[in-house]
Amino acid sequence: MKWKRNTGFDQIEDRRGAPGAGGGFGGSLGGGGGIPIPIPGGAKGGLSGLVIIAIIAFVVLSGVLGGTDGSLGGLQPGGGGGPAGTLQPQGDTDQFVSYVVSNVQAFWGETFRRSGKEYPVTKLVLFNSSTQSACGPASAATGPFYCPADQKVYLDLGFFDELKSRFGAKGGDFAMAYVIAHEFGHHVQTVQGVTERVQQQVAQDPSLQNDLSIRTELQADCLAGVWAHADVADLEPGDIDEALSAAAAVGDDRIQQATQGRIDPESWTHGSATQRVQWFTTGYTSGNPADCDTFSA
């Protein structure tokens, strides 16, 4: 991927070397979305009530490109979860992450602007081992995640070594870009109201938790593909293969097979390798957020 240095440092919080949250990670990240390293689990999913949430999600996402009067819900980029600061890059990886964060957010800012809306720029938090978010303590074992409560993305760069060595992803810079774009897809869902509506639906019927979680994650994959479509001029041969390899590597089936030696679809929370590749490809092929309607698919 073609990229520029010295870009986007103000959109990064560097907490590496700072005191962690203390203790291990336990429980849910308060509705946050992410790419897991642990074995996925949780309540069994279901299908009742999906018609309502499908209509909501489709209307909201269609509004990103115009055609609805949907409000962004008054959400602002969040405070809390740790001190703000501008990144002092330690090497090419820091530079690349900063560029991708800036590029992804510039794309969504322009997309929102064209439909008369405002995209609230947020931050990616770099950390080592553990840190504190507004959704609770996080550790490297959680994998990258987005916290809706403070509207920030959390990333331990060691995740990418794990993704390649343990789960067989090809690696490469665009695999990293895909993961970052996926997490900022969750930010788009939050500011558009999708996250809140999914949480409300789960509160009303907890049996929907896994099913709606999968659909939420696949939608974020699709939104990452939409960004990749818009950035196609900067892509190099092999970039999309790197993204697809990373998407497949974080499928629930692949993670379960690698960590527990068996596959249990009823415990999935993020979708299979095939589903994740399918939805990233859908977004990349169409370039239209309105095609990312995973809730009615």
C-alpha atoms as a PDB file:
ATOM      1  CA  MET A   1       0.000   0.000   0.000  1.00  0.00           C
ATOM      2  CA  LYS A   2       1.287   3.448  -0.914  1.00  0.00           C
ATOM      3  CA  TRP A   3       1.376   5.700   2.130  1.00  0.00           C
ATOM      4  CA  LYS A   4       2.834   8.964   3.418  1.00  0.00           C
ATOM      5  CA  ARG A   5       4.921   9.680   6.481  1.00  0.00           C
ATOM      6  CA  ASN A   6       4.238  12.283   9.146  1.00  0.00           C
ATOM      7  CA  THR A   7       0.464  12.056   8.856  1.00  0.00           C
ATOM      8  CA  GLY A   8      -2.228  11.606  11.488  1.00  0.00           C
ATOM      9  CA  PHE A   9      -0.113  11.703  14.651  1.00  0.00           C
ATOM     10  CA  ASP A  10      -2.778  13.828  16.355  1.00  0.00           C
ATOM     11  CA  GLN A  11      -5.282  10.968  15.917  1.00  0.00           C
ATOM     12  CA  ILE A  12      -3.171   8.538  17.980  1.00  0.00           C
ATOM     13  CA  GLU A  13      -2.851   8.182  21.758  1.00  0.00           C
ATOM     14  CA  ASP A  14       0.360   6.406  22.641  1.00  0.00           C
ATOM     15  CA  ARG A  15       0.015   4.650  26.008  1.00  0.00           C
ATOM     16  CA  ARG A  16       2.839   2.193  25.482  1.00  0.00           C
ATOM     17  CA  GLY A  17       4.948   2.101  28.587  1.00  0.00           C
ATOM     18  CA  ALA A  18       2.220   3.771  30.645  1.00  0.00           C
ATOM     19  CA  PRO A  19       0.814   1.991  33.733  1.00  0.00           C
ATOM     20  CA  GLY A  20      -1.861  -0.540  32.737  1.00  0.00           C
ATOM     21  CA  ALA A  21      -5.322  -0.983  34.102  1.00  0.00           C
ATOM     22  CA  GLY A  22      -4.205  -3.710  36.440  1.00  0.00           C
ATOM     23  CA  GLY A  23      -5.723  -7.149  36.722  1.00  0.00           C
ATOM     24  CA  GLY A  24      -6.932  -9.375  33.919  1.00  0.00           C
ATOM     25  CA  PHE A  25      -9.598  -8.727  31.391  1.00  0.00           C
ATOM     26  CA  GLY A  26     -12.935 -10.217  32.251  1.00  0.00           C
ATOM     27  CA  GLY A  27     -16.379 -10.066  30.745  1.00  0.00           C
ATOM     28  CA  SER A  28     -17.721  -7.922  27.969  1.00  0.00           C
ATOM     29  CA  LEU A  29     -16.234  -4.668  26.765  1.00  0.00           C
ATOM     30  CA  GLY A  30     -19.502  -2.863  27.251  1.00  0.00           C
ATOM     31  CA  GLY A  31     -20.832  -3.534  23.786  1.00  0.00           C
ATOM     32  CA  GLY A  32     -17.536  -2.833  22.070  1.00  0.00           C
ATOM     33  CA  GLY A  33     -16.664  -4.485  18.799  1.00  0.00           C
ATOM     34  CA  GLY A  34     -13.348  -5.999  17.905  1.00  0.00           C
ATOM     35  CA  ILE A  35     -11.286  -8.814  16.504  1.00  0.00           C
ATOM     36  CA  PRO A  36     -10.806 -11.482  19.154  1.00  0.00           C
ATOM     37  CA  ILE A  37      -7.864 -13.638  20.042  1.00  0.00           C
ATOM     38  CA  PRO A  38      -9.677 -15.533  22.846  1.00  0.00           C
ATOM     39  CA  ILE A  39     -12.104 -18.364  22.105  1.00  0.00           C
ATOM     40  CA  PRO A  40     -15.425 -16.738  21.170  1.00  0.00           C
ATOM     41  CA  GLY A  41     -18.324 -17.524  23.470  1.00  0.00           C
ATOM     42  CA  GLY A  42     -21.528 -16.239  24.963  1.00  0.00           C
ATOM     43  CA  ALA A  43     -25.246 -16.824  24.778  1.00  0.00           C
ATOM     44  CA  LYS A  44     -26.758 -18.754  21.926  1.00  0.00           C
ATOM     45  CA  GLY A  45     -28.049 -16.641  19.109  1.00  0.00           C
ATOM     46  CA  GLY A  46     -31.517 -16.544  17.654  1.00  0.00           C
ATOM     47  CA  LEU A  47     -33.537 -15.061  14.821  1.00  0.00           C
ATOM     48  CA  SER A  48     -36.630 -13.534  16.440  1.00  0.00           C
ATOM     49  CA  GLY A  49     -36.772  -9.782  16.242  1.00  0.00           C
ATOM     50  CA  LEU A  50     -34.235  -9.493  13.407  1.00  0.00           C
ATOM     51  CA  VAL A  51     -36.745  -7.866  11.070  1.00  0.00           C
ATOM     52  CA  ILE A  52     -36.877  -4.744  13.265  1.00  0.00           C
ATOM     53  CA  ILE A  53     -33.129  -4.378  13.617  1.00  0.00           C
ATOM     54  CA  ALA A  54     -32.587  -5.098   9.924  1.00  0.00           C
ATOM     55  CA  ILE A  55     -34.872  -2.228   8.921  1.00  0.00           C
ATOM     56  CA  ILE A  56     -33.167   0.141  11.355  1.00  0.00           C
ATOM     57  CA  ALA A  57     -29.654  -0.778  10.256  1.00  0.00           C
ATOM     58  CA  PHE A  58     -30.482  -0.554   6.547  1.00  0.00           C
ATOM     59  CA  VAL A  59     -32.094   2.872   6.863  1.00  0.00           C
ATOM     60  CA  VAL A  60     -29.274   4.258   9.009  1.00  0.00           C
ATOM     61  CA  LEU A  61     -26.500   3.014   6.759  1.00  0.00           C
ATOM     62  CA  SER A  62     -28.275   4.173   3.625  1.00  0.00           C
ATOM     63  CA  GLY A  63     -28.288   7.627   5.221  1.00  0.00           C
ATOM     64  CA  VAL A  64     -24.497   7.752   5.131  1.00  0.00           C
ATOM     65  CA  LEU A  65     -24.765   8.406   1.408  1.00  0.00           C
ATOM     66  CA  GLY A  66     -27.858  10.557   1.676  1.00  0.00           C
ATOM     67  CA  GLY A  67     -31.536   9.810   1.297  1.00  0.00           C
ATOM     68  CA  THR A  68     -32.569   9.908   4.955  1.00  0.00           C
ATOM     69  CA  ASP A  69     -32.937  12.532   7.638  1.00  0.00           C
ATOM     70  CA  GLY A  70     -31.380  10.323  10.314  1.00  0.00           C
ATOM     71  CA  SER A  71     -29.606  12.138  13.113  1.00  0.00           C
ATOM     72  CA  LEU A  72     -26.155  11.193  14.320  1.00  0.00           C
ATOM     73  CA  GLY A  73     -27.565  11.125  17.806  1.00  0.00           C
ATOM     74  CA  GLY A  74     -25.526  14.003  19.197  1.00  0.00           C
ATOM     75  CA  LEU A  75     -22.526  11.762  19.886  1.00  0.00           C
ATOM     76  CA  GLN A  76     -19.177  13.484  20.274  1.00  0.00           C
ATOM     77  CA  PRO A  77     -15.667  12.046  20.217  1.00  0.00           C
ATOM     78  CA  GLY A  78     -15.169  10.744  23.683  1.00  0.00           C
ATOM     79  CA  GLY A  79     -13.365  11.799  26.764  1.00  0.00           C
ATOM     80  CA  GLY A  80     -12.338   9.309  29.384  1.00  0.00           C
ATOM     81  CA  GLY A  81     -10.421   6.105  29.065  1.00  0.00           C
ATOM     82  CA  GLY A  82      -6.982   7.695  29.422  1.00  0.00           C
ATOM     83  CA  PRO A  83      -4.895  10.770  28.701  1.00  0.00           C
ATOM     84  CA  ALA A  84      -4.839  12.344  25.258  1.00  0.00           C
ATOM     85  CA  GLY A  85      -1.563  12.884  23.476  1.00  0.00           C
ATOM     86  CA  THR A  86       0.082  13.154  20.073  1.00  0.00           C
ATOM     87  CA  LEU A  87       2.116  10.205  18.876  1.00  0.00           C
ATOM     88  CA  GLN A  88       5.888  10.489  18.749  1.00  0.00           C
ATOM     89  CA  PRO A  89       6.529   7.734  16.183  1.00  0.00           C
ATOM     90  CA  GLN A  90       9.081   5.066  17.066  1.00  0.00           C
ATOM     91  CA  GLY A  91       9.415   3.582  13.585  1.00  0.00           C
ATOM     92  CA  ASP A  92       7.768   2.787  10.269  1.00  0.00           C
ATOM     93  CA  THR A  93       4.933   0.801  11.868  1.00  0.00           C
ATOM     94  CA  ASP A  94       3.886   3.789  13.964  1.00  0.00           C
ATOM     95  CA  GLN A  95       4.063   5.975  10.868  1.00  0.00           C
ATOM     96  CA  PHE A  96       1.958   3.536   8.858  1.00  0.00           C
ATOM     97  CA  VAL A  97      -0.695   3.123  11.552  1.00  0.00           C
ATOM     98  CA  SER A  98      -0.995   6.901  11.833  1.00  0.00           C
ATOM     99  CA  TYR A  99      -1.396   7.252   8.093  1.00  0.00           C
ATOM    100  CA  VAL A 100      -4.098   4.580   7.869  1.00  0.00           C
ATOM    101  CA  VAL A 101      -6.053   6.050  10.792  1.00  0.00           C
ATOM    102  CA  SER A 102      -5.952   9.486   9.168  1.00  0.00           C
ATOM    103  CA  ASN A 103      -6.847   8.095   5.744  1.00  0.00           C
ATOM    104  CA  VAL A 104      -9.781   6.023   6.998  1.00  0.00           C
ATOM    105  CA  GLN A 105     -11.217   8.917   8.989  1.00  0.00           C
ATOM    106  CA  ALA A 106     -10.739  11.371   6.125  1.00  0.00           C
ATOM    107  CA  PHE A 107     -12.725   8.988   3.909  1.00  0.00           C
ATOM    108  CA  TRP A 108     -15.614   8.725   6.357  1.00  0.00           C
ATOM    109  CA  GLY A 109     -15.498  12.469   6.981  1.00  0.00           C
ATOM    110  CA  GLU A 110     -15.943  13.146   3.277  1.00  0.00           C
ATOM    111  CA  THR A 111     -18.615  10.449   2.951  1.00  0.00           C
ATOM    112  CA  PHE A 112     -20.627  11.949   5.796  1.00  0.00           C
ATOM    113  CA  ARG A 113     -20.111  15.488   4.485  1.00  0.00           C
ATOM    114  CA  ARG A 114     -21.591  14.587   1.104  1.00  0.00           C
ATOM    115  CA  SER A 115     -24.800  13.577   2.835  1.00  0.00           C
ATOM    116  CA  GLY A 116     -24.936  16.722   4.976  1.00  0.00           C
ATOM    117  CA  LYS A 117     -23.726  15.043   8.166  1.00  0.00           C
ATOM    118  CA  GLU A 118     -20.670  15.375  10.357  1.00  0.00           C
ATOM    119  CA  TYR A 119     -18.271  12.567  11.133  1.00  0.00           C
ATOM    120  CA  PRO A 120     -16.752  12.969  14.631  1.00  0.00           C
ATOM    121  CA  VAL A 121     -13.031  12.263  14.331  1.00  0.00           C
ATOM    122  CA  THR A 122     -11.779  10.040  17.142  1.00  0.00           C
ATOM    123  CA  LYS A 123      -8.513   8.408  18.223  1.00  0.00           C
ATOM    124  CA  LEU A 124      -6.724   5.092  18.109  1.00  0.00           C
ATOM    125  CA  VAL A 125      -5.029   4.148  21.371  1.00  0.00           C
ATOM    126  CA  LEU A 126      -1.748   2.237  21.107  1.00  0.00           C
ATOM    127  CA  PHE A 127      -0.897   0.211  24.202  1.00  0.00           C
ATOM    128  CA  ASN A 128       1.261  -2.655  25.396  1.00  0.00           C
ATOM    129  CA  SER A 129      -0.072  -5.487  27.574  1.00  0.00           C
ATOM    130  CA  SER A 130      -2.977  -3.639  29.183  1.00  0.00           C
ATOM    131  CA  THR A 131      -4.767  -0.328  29.448  1.00  0.00           C
ATOM    132  CA  GLN A 132      -8.038   1.143  30.647  1.00  0.00           C
ATOM    133  CA  SER A 133     -10.931   2.075  28.390  1.00  0.00           C
ATOM    134  CA  ALA A 134     -14.324   3.531  29.209  1.00  0.00           C
ATOM    135  CA  CYS A 135     -15.650   0.012  28.505  1.00  0.00           C
ATOM    136  CA  GLY A 136     -13.391  -1.490  31.177  1.00  0.00           C
ATOM    137  CA  PRO A 137      -9.855  -2.878  31.353  1.00  0.00           C
ATOM    138  CA  ALA A 138      -8.351  -4.278  28.174  1.00  0.00           C
ATOM    139  CA  SER A 139      -5.340  -6.495  27.611  1.00  0.00           C
ATOM    140  CA  ALA A 140      -3.379  -7.684  24.619  1.00  0.00           C
ATOM    141  CA  ALA A 141      -5.403 -10.921  24.784  1.00  0.00           C
ATOM    142  CA  THR A 142      -8.604  -9.114  23.783  1.00  0.00           C
ATOM    143  CA  GLY A 143      -7.245  -8.227  20.370  1.00  0.00           C
ATOM    144  CA  PRO A 144      -8.012  -4.865  18.729  1.00  0.00           C
ATOM    145  CA  PHE A 145     -11.369  -3.438  19.765  1.00  0.00           C
ATOM    146  CA  TYR A 146     -13.572  -0.358  19.641  1.00  0.00           C
ATOM    147  CA  CYS A 147     -15.210   1.046  22.771  1.00  0.00           C
ATOM    148  CA  PRO A 148     -18.506   2.875  22.078  1.00  0.00           C
ATOM    149  CA  ALA A 149     -18.453   4.552  25.509  1.00  0.00           C
ATOM    150  CA  ASP A 150     -15.382   6.663  24.687  1.00  0.00           C
ATOM    151  CA  GLN A 151     -15.517   6.156  20.903  1.00  0.00           C
ATOM    152  CA  LYS A 152     -11.894   5.076  20.658  1.00  0.00           C
ATOM    153  CA  VAL A 153     -10.107   2.190  18.964  1.00  0.00           C
ATOM    154  CA  TYR A 154      -7.643   0.182  21.106  1.00  0.00           C
ATOM    155  CA  LEU A 155      -4.706  -1.690  19.576  1.00  0.00           C
ATOM    156  CA  ASP A 156      -1.678  -3.604  20.831  1.00  0.00           C
ATOM    157  CA  LEU A 157       0.601  -3.950  17.798  1.00  0.00           C
ATOM    158  CA  GLY A 158       1.687  -7.383  19.022  1.00  0.00           C
ATOM    159  CA  PHE A 159      -1.674  -8.621  17.717  1.00  0.00           C
ATOM    160  CA  PHE A 160      -0.346  -8.692  14.173  1.00  0.00           C
ATOM    161  CA  ASP A 161       2.505 -11.033  15.069  1.00  0.00           C
ATOM    162  CA  GLU A 162      -0.035 -13.309  16.741  1.00  0.00           C
ATOM    163  CA  LEU A 163      -2.329 -13.141  13.734  1.00  0.00           C
ATOM    164  CA  LYS A 164       0.439 -14.327  11.439  1.00  0.00           C
ATOM    165  CA  SER A 165       2.241 -16.861  13.637  1.00  0.00           C
ATOM    166  CA  ARG A 166      -0.723 -18.466  15.368  1.00  0.00           C
ATOM    167  CA  PHE A 167      -3.617 -18.117  12.945  1.00  0.00           C
ATOM    168  CA  GLY A 168      -1.869 -18.261   9.592  1.00  0.00           C
ATOM    169  CA  ALA A 169      -2.588 -14.834   8.138  1.00  0.00           C
ATOM    170  CA  LYS A 170      -0.214 -13.717   5.391  1.00  0.00           C
ATOM    171  CA  GLY A 171       0.725 -10.533   7.202  1.00  0.00           C
ATOM    172  CA  GLY A 172       1.721  -7.406   5.296  1.00  0.00           C
ATOM    173  CA  ASP A 173       0.817  -3.774   5.649  1.00  0.00           C
ATOM    174  CA  PHE A 174      -2.665  -4.065   4.191  1.00  0.00           C
ATOM    175  CA  ALA A 175      -3.618  -6.788   6.651  1.00  0.00           C
ATOM    176  CA  MET A 176      -2.911  -4.182   9.314  1.00  0.00           C
ATOM    177  CA  ALA A 177      -4.910  -1.598   7.374  1.00  0.00           C
ATOM    178  CA  TYR A 178      -7.895  -3.957   7.157  1.00  0.00           C
ATOM    179  CA  VAL A 179      -7.941  -4.482  10.928  1.00  0.00           C
ATOM    180  CA  ILE A 180      -7.770  -0.743  11.602  1.00  0.00           C
ATOM    181  CA  ALA A 181     -10.485   0.009   9.025  1.00  0.00           C
ATOM    182  CA  HIS A 182     -12.689  -2.699  10.584  1.00  0.00           C
ATOM    183  CA  GLU A 183     -12.439  -1.062  14.006  1.00  0.00           C
ATOM    184  CA  PHE A 184     -13.272   2.365  12.611  1.00  0.00           C
ATOM    185  CA  GLY A 185     -16.240   0.686  10.929  1.00  0.00           C
ATOM    186  CA  HIS A 186     -17.519   0.159  14.465  1.00  0.00           C
ATOM    187  CA  HIS A 187     -17.110   3.899  15.049  1.00  0.00           C
ATOM    188  CA  VAL A 188     -19.285   4.571  12.005  1.00  0.00           C
ATOM    189  CA  GLN A 189     -21.890   2.178  13.427  1.00  0.00           C
ATOM    190  CA  THR A 190     -21.822   4.011  16.750  1.00  0.00           C
ATOM    191  CA  VAL A 191     -22.212   7.528  15.392  1.00  0.00           C
ATOM    192  CA  GLN A 192     -24.964   6.344  13.045  1.00  0.00           C
ATOM    193  CA  GLY A 193     -26.910   4.755  15.910  1.00  0.00           C
ATOM    194  CA  VAL A 194     -26.559   1.125  14.801  1.00  0.00           C
ATOM    195  CA  THR A 195     -24.601   0.078  17.905  1.00  0.00           C
ATOM    196  CA  GLU A 196     -27.126   1.567  20.302  1.00  0.00           C
ATOM    197  CA  ARG A 197     -30.057  -0.063  18.541  1.00  0.00           C
ATOM    198  CA  VAL A 198     -28.372  -3.460  18.553  1.00  0.00           C
ATOM    199  CA  GLN A 199     -27.688  -3.110  22.279  1.00  0.00           C
ATOM    200  CA  GLN A 200     -31.334  -2.213  22.881  1.00  0.00           C
ATOM    201  CA  GLN A 201     -32.473  -5.248  20.914  1.00  0.00           C
ATOM    202  CA  VAL A 202     -30.163  -7.543  22.903  1.00  0.00           C
ATOM    203  CA  ALA A 203     -31.422  -6.027  26.160  1.00  0.00           C
ATOM    204  CA  GLN A 204     -34.973  -6.887  25.130  1.00  0.00           C
ATOM    205  CA  ASP A 205     -34.068 -10.407  24.025  1.00  0.00           C
ATOM    206  CA  PRO A 206     -30.666 -11.715  25.229  1.00  0.00           C
ATOM    207  CA  SER A 207     -31.007 -14.797  23.024  1.00  0.00           C
ATOM    208  CA  LEU A 208     -30.211 -12.524  20.053  1.00  0.00           C
ATOM    209  CA  GLN A 209     -26.808 -11.550  21.434  1.00  0.00           C
ATOM    210  CA  ASN A 210     -24.556 -13.816  19.383  1.00  0.00           C
ATOM    211  CA  ASP A 211     -26.513 -13.493  16.170  1.00  0.00           C
ATOM    212  CA  LEU A 212     -26.581  -9.690  16.292  1.00  0.00           C
ATOM    213  CA  SER A 213     -22.935  -9.607  17.337  1.00  0.00           C
ATOM    214  CA  ILE A 214     -21.990 -11.569  14.228  1.00  0.00           C
ATOM    215  CA  ARG A 215     -24.046  -9.288  11.983  1.00  0.00           C
ATOM    216  CA  THR A 216     -22.473  -6.218  13.590  1.00  0.00           C
ATOM    217  CA  GLU A 217     -18.959  -7.560  13.056  1.00  0.00           C
ATOM    218  CA  LEU A 218     -19.625  -8.561   9.453  1.00  0.00           C
ATOM    219  CA  GLN A 219     -20.996  -5.103   8.767  1.00  0.00           C
ATOM    220  CA  ALA A 220     -17.750  -3.600  10.082  1.00  0.00           C
ATOM    221  CA  ASP A 221     -15.866  -5.909   7.705  1.00  0.00           C
ATOM    222  CA  CYS A 222     -18.006  -4.645   4.843  1.00  0.00           C
ATOM    223  CA  LEU A 223     -17.384  -1.016   5.806  1.00  0.00           C
ATOM    224  CA  ALA A 224     -13.643  -1.744   5.816  1.00  0.00           C
ATOM    225  CA  GLY A 225     -14.085  -3.013   2.267  1.00  0.00           C
ATOM    226  CA  VAL A 226     -15.922   0.178   1.301  1.00  0.00           C
ATOM    227  CA  TRP A 227     -12.917   2.198   2.461  1.00  0.00           C
ATOM    228  CA  ALA A 228     -10.537  -0.074   0.528  1.00  0.00           C
ATOM    229  CA  HIS A 229     -12.627   0.491  -2.616  1.00  0.00           C
ATOM    230  CA  ALA A 230     -12.231   4.253  -2.226  1.00  0.00           C
ATOM    231  CA  ASP A 231      -8.469   3.903  -1.655  1.00  0.00           C
ATOM    232  CA  VAL A 232      -7.890   1.598  -4.610  1.00  0.00           C
ATOM    233  CA  ALA A 233      -5.459   4.016  -6.265  1.00  0.00           C
ATOM    234  CA  ASP A 234      -3.036   3.491  -3.379  1.00  0.00           C
ATOM    235  CA  LEU A 235      -3.273  -0.302  -3.387  1.00  0.00           C
ATOM    236  CA  GLU A 236      -0.467  -2.482  -4.677  1.00  0.00           C
ATOM    237  CA  PRO A 237      -0.503  -6.065  -5.993  1.00  0.00           C
ATOM    238  CA  GLY A 238      -1.235  -8.476  -3.182  1.00  0.00           C
ATOM    239  CA  ASP A 239      -2.842  -5.932  -0.846  1.00  0.00           C
ATOM    240  CA  ILE A 240      -6.371  -7.297  -1.122  1.00  0.00           C
ATOM    241  CA  ASP A 241      -5.062 -10.850  -0.709  1.00  0.00           C
ATOM    242  CA  GLU A 242      -3.452  -9.713   2.555  1.00  0.00           C
ATOM    243  CA  ALA A 243      -6.752  -8.257   3.755  1.00  0.00           C
ATOM    244  CA  LEU A 244      -8.699 -11.367   2.786  1.00  0.00           C
ATOM    245  CA  SER A 245      -6.158 -13.593   4.508  1.00  0.00           C
ATOM    246  CA  ALA A 246      -6.454 -11.529   7.696  1.00  0.00           C
ATOM    247  CA  ALA A 247     -10.262 -11.557   7.502  1.00  0.00           C
ATOM    248  CA  ALA A 248     -10.272 -15.347   7.157  1.00  0.00           C
ATOM    249  CA  ALA A 249      -7.750 -15.777   9.972  1.00  0.00           C
ATOM    250  CA  VAL A 250     -10.026 -14.027  12.472  1.00  0.00           C
ATOM    251  CA  GLY A 251     -13.106 -16.070  11.580  1.00  0.00           C
ATOM    252  CA  ASP A 252     -14.609 -17.746  14.628  1.00  0.00           C
ATOM    253  CA  ASP A 253     -14.162 -21.178  13.072  1.00  0.00           C
ATOM    254  CA  ARG A 254     -10.457 -20.617  12.400  1.00  0.00           C
ATOM    255  CA  ILE A 255      -9.838 -19.240  15.891  1.00  0.00           C
ATOM    256  CA  GLN A 256     -11.746 -22.067  17.566  1.00  0.00           C
ATOM    257  CA  GLN A 257      -9.940 -24.725  15.544  1.00  0.00           C
ATOM    258  CA  ALA A 258      -6.563 -23.220  16.453  1.00  0.00           C
ATOM    259  CA  THR A 259      -7.292 -22.666  20.143  1.00  0.00           C
ATOM    260  CA  GLN A 260      -9.557 -25.562  21.153  1.00  0.00           C
ATOM    261  CA  GLY A 261      -9.317 -28.046  18.317  1.00  0.00           C
ATOM    262  CA  ARG A 262     -13.033 -28.038  17.520  1.00  0.00           C
ATOM    263  CA  ILE A 263     -15.618 -25.729  15.983  1.00  0.00           C
ATOM    264  CA  ASP A 264     -18.822 -24.702  17.786  1.00  0.00           C
ATOM    265  CA  PRO A 265     -20.958 -22.447  15.537  1.00  0.00           C
ATOM    266  CA  GLU A 266     -23.498 -21.773  18.296  1.00  0.00           C
ATOM    267  CA  SER A 267     -20.854 -19.881  20.269  1.00  0.00           C
ATOM    268  CA  TRP A 268     -19.705 -17.686  17.385  1.00  0.00           C
ATOM    269  CA  THR A 269     -19.723 -13.912  17.907  1.00  0.00           C
ATOM    270  CA  HIS A 270     -17.857 -12.618  14.833  1.00  0.00           C
ATOM    271  CA  GLY A 271     -18.718 -14.931  11.944  1.00  0.00           C
ATOM    272  CA  SER A 272     -16.892 -17.619  10.017  1.00  0.00           C
ATOM    273  CA  ALA A 273     -13.817 -17.115   7.862  1.00  0.00           C
ATOM    274  CA  THR A 274     -15.995 -17.438   4.766  1.00  0.00           C
ATOM    275  CA  GLN A 275     -18.505 -14.869   6.005  1.00  0.00           C
ATOM    276  CA  ARG A 276     -15.820 -12.350   6.899  1.00  0.00           C
ATOM    277  CA  VAL A 277     -14.142 -12.661   3.525  1.00  0.00           C
ATOM    278  CA  GLN A 278     -17.543 -12.438   1.793  1.00  0.00           C
ATOM    279  CA  TRP A 279     -18.561  -9.205   3.496  1.00  0.00           C
ATOM    280  CA  PHE A 280     -15.209  -7.457   3.107  1.00  0.00           C
ATOM    281  CA  THR A 281     -15.379  -8.384  -0.578  1.00  0.00           C
ATOM    282  CA  THR A 282     -18.942  -7.038  -0.833  1.00  0.00           C
ATOM    283  CA  GLY A 283     -17.847  -3.647   0.471  1.00  0.00           C
ATOM    284  CA  TYR A 284     -14.706  -3.595  -1.657  1.00  0.00           C
ATOM    285  CA  THR A 285     -16.583  -4.505  -4.818  1.00  0.00           C
ATOM    286  CA  SER A 286     -19.455  -2.033  -4.452  1.00  0.00           C
ATOM    287  CA  GLY A 287     -17.908   0.854  -2.526  1.00  0.00           C
ATOM    288  CA  ASN A 288     -21.382   1.636  -1.193  1.00  0.00           C
ATOM    289  CA  PRO A 289     -22.103   1.538   2.580  1.00  0.00           C
ATOM    290  CA  ALA A 290     -25.779   0.862   1.824  1.00  0.00           C
ATOM    291  CA  ASP A 291     -24.747  -2.558   0.497  1.00  0.00           C
ATOM    292  CA  CYS A 292     -23.449  -3.507   3.956  1.00  0.00           C
ATOM    293  CA  ASP A 293     -26.855  -4.563   5.240  1.00  0.00           C
ATOM    294  CA  THR A 294     -25.768  -7.678   7.100  1.00  0.00           C
ATOM    295  CA  PHE A 295     -28.829  -7.567   9.341  1.00  0.00           C
ATOM    296  CA  SER A 296     -31.276  -8.660   6.659  1.00  0.00           C
ATOM    297  CA  ALA A 297     -28.871 -10.916   4.757  1.00  0.00           C
END
